[in-house]
Amino acid sequence: QVQLVESGGGLVEPGGSLRLSCAASGFSFSTYAMSWHRQSPGKERELVATITSAGISIRYADSVKGRFTISRDNARNTAYLQMNRLKLEDTAVYYCNAYQIYSGYDYWGQGTQVTVSS
């Protein structure tokens, strides 16, 4: 059974930090690219960051460059999103995604809420 379970969300003040985790099971994690997406009320889901299967290539949305860091630990089947200098506009539900390019298999987690508020 494929599972992606996000954790680490919560309430944080502007300027604060959070680290999200995405624990994967039921598939070959090390062969999948991982990404983080977010969705705010009334807005479309947007891509935040991606990392290739071996962690060699990483990309970020312009809105989070220099503040967020995506990483992965293939030995632990876990992806991470370190979020620093959080802003009010970072408030959203954050989802992790696993995508295997050559098969097209695509899995999503259930999401974790991040709220930035003073």
Protein backbone atom coordinates (compact mmCIF):
# COMPACT_ATOMS: atom_id res chain seq x y z
CA GLN A 1 0.00 0.00 0.00
CA VAL A 2 1.45 3.31 -1.12
CA GLN A 3 1.57 6.00 1.55
CA LEU A 4 2.96 9.50 1.79
CA VAL A 5 2.53 10.99 5.24
CA GLU A 6 3.38 14.63 5.85
CA SER A 7 4.14 15.99 9.29
CA GLY A 8 5.68 19.04 10.90
CA GLY A 9 3.09 21.66 10.07
CA GLY A 10 1.72 24.06 12.64
CA LEU A 11 1.34 27.66 13.73
CA VAL A 12 4.40 29.90 13.58
CA GLU A 13 5.02 33.63 13.79
CA PRO A 14 6.34 35.58 10.81
CA GLY A 15 10.09 35.13 10.56
CA GLY A 16 9.94 31.73 12.19
CA SER A 17 10.87 28.31 10.87
CA LEU A 18 9.28 24.91 10.38
CA ARG A 19 10.55 21.65 8.99
CA LEU A 20 8.11 19.46 7.12
CA SER A 21 8.68 15.75 6.66
CA CYS A 22 7.16 13.35 4.14
CA ALA A 23 7.50 9.69 5.08
CA ALA A 24 7.03 7.31 2.15
CA SER A 25 6.18 3.63 2.07
CA GLY A 26 4.88 1.03 -0.36
CA PHE A 27 6.97 2.02 -3.35
CA SER A 28 10.57 2.39 -4.41
CA PHE A 29 11.22 5.82 -2.93
CA SER A 30 14.73 6.24 -4.32
CA THR A 31 13.48 5.99 -7.91
CA TYR A 32 10.95 8.82 -7.55
CA ALA A 33 11.39 12.55 -7.82
CA MET A 34 9.87 14.29 -4.83
CA SER A 35 8.23 17.66 -4.65
CA TRP A 36 6.36 19.90 -2.25
CA HIS A 37 3.27 21.82 -3.28
CA ARG A 38 0.98 24.13 -1.38
CA GLN A 39 -2.56 25.39 -1.65
CA SER A 40 -4.18 28.36 0.03
CA PRO A 41 -7.94 28.90 0.23
CA GLY A 42 -9.28 30.17 -3.06
CA LYS A 43 -6.01 29.58 -4.88
CA GLU A 44 -4.72 26.84 -7.13
CA ARG A 45 -2.18 24.36 -5.87
CA GLU A 46 1.33 25.61 -6.62
CA LEU A 47 4.68 23.91 -6.88
CA VAL A 48 7.07 24.95 -4.11
CA ALA A 49 10.17 22.79 -4.65
CA THR A 50 11.32 19.65 -6.39
CA ILE A 51 14.25 17.28 -5.98
CA THR A 52 15.26 14.48 -8.32
CA SER A 53 15.51 10.87 -7.23
CA ALA A 54 19.22 11.03 -6.37
CA GLY A 55 18.98 14.58 -5.06
CA ILE A 56 21.18 15.98 -7.80
CA SER A 57 18.80 18.54 -9.26
CA ILE A 58 16.70 20.90 -7.15
CA ARG A 59 14.35 23.68 -8.15
CA TYR A 60 12.34 26.23 -6.19
CA ALA A 61 9.48 28.56 -6.85
CA ASP A 62 10.70 32.15 -6.98
CA SER A 63 8.55 32.99 -3.95
CA VAL A 64 10.53 30.66 -1.67
CA LYS A 65 14.06 30.82 -3.11
CA GLY A 66 16.62 31.55 -0.43
CA ARG A 67 14.16 30.71 2.38
CA PHE A 68 13.12 27.09 1.79
CA THR A 69 15.33 24.04 1.35
CA ILE A 70 14.15 20.70 -0.01
CA SER A 71 16.10 17.55 0.78
CA ARG A 72 15.67 13.80 0.94
CA ASP A 73 17.09 10.81 2.75
CA ASN A 74 16.70 7.75 0.55
CA ALA A 75 17.86 5.48 3.36
CA ARG A 76 14.93 6.68 5.48
CA ASN A 77 12.42 7.00 2.60
CA THR A 78 11.74 10.55 3.70
CA ALA A 79 11.68 13.95 2.04
CA TYR A 80 11.96 17.24 3.89
CA LEU A 81 11.14 20.89 3.45
CA GLN A 82 12.99 23.27 5.71
CA MET A 83 11.14 26.59 5.77
CA ASN A 84 12.90 29.64 7.20
CA ARG A 85 11.94 33.30 7.43
CA LEU A 86 8.31 32.37 7.01
CA LYS A 87 5.89 35.01 5.76
CA LEU A 88 2.15 35.44 6.16
CA GLU A 89 1.71 34.45 2.52
CA ASP A 90 3.32 31.06 3.15
CA THR A 91 0.15 30.03 4.98
CA ALA A 92 -1.26 27.01 3.14
CA VAL A 93 -1.76 23.29 3.21
CA TYR A 94 1.49 21.70 2.11
CA TYR A 95 1.47 18.45 0.15
CA CYS A 96 4.27 16.15 -0.83
CA ASN A 97 4.28 14.37 -4.15
CA ALA A 98 6.23 11.44 -5.54
CA TYR A 99 6.60 11.11 -9.31
CA GLN A 100 8.38 8.50 -11.36
CA ILE A 101 9.24 9.94 -14.77
CA TYR A 102 9.47 6.75 -16.82
CA SER A 103 6.31 5.10 -15.47
CA GLY A 104 4.20 8.18 -14.86
CA TYR A 105 3.23 6.92 -11.40
CA ASP A 106 2.22 9.83 -9.23
CA TYR A 107 1.38 9.78 -5.51
CA TRP A 108 0.18 12.48 -3.10
CA GLY A 109 0.12 12.85 0.63
CA GLN A 110 -2.87 14.10 2.62
CA GLY A 111 -1.31 17.48 3.39
CA THR A 112 -0.21 19.32 6.49
CA GLN A 113 -1.39 22.79 7.50
CA VAL A 114 1.13 25.59 7.88
CA THR A 115 -0.19 28.80 9.38
CA VAL A 116 1.98 31.90 9.66
CA SER A 117 0.38 34.44 11.94
CA SER A 118 1.28 36.94 14.60
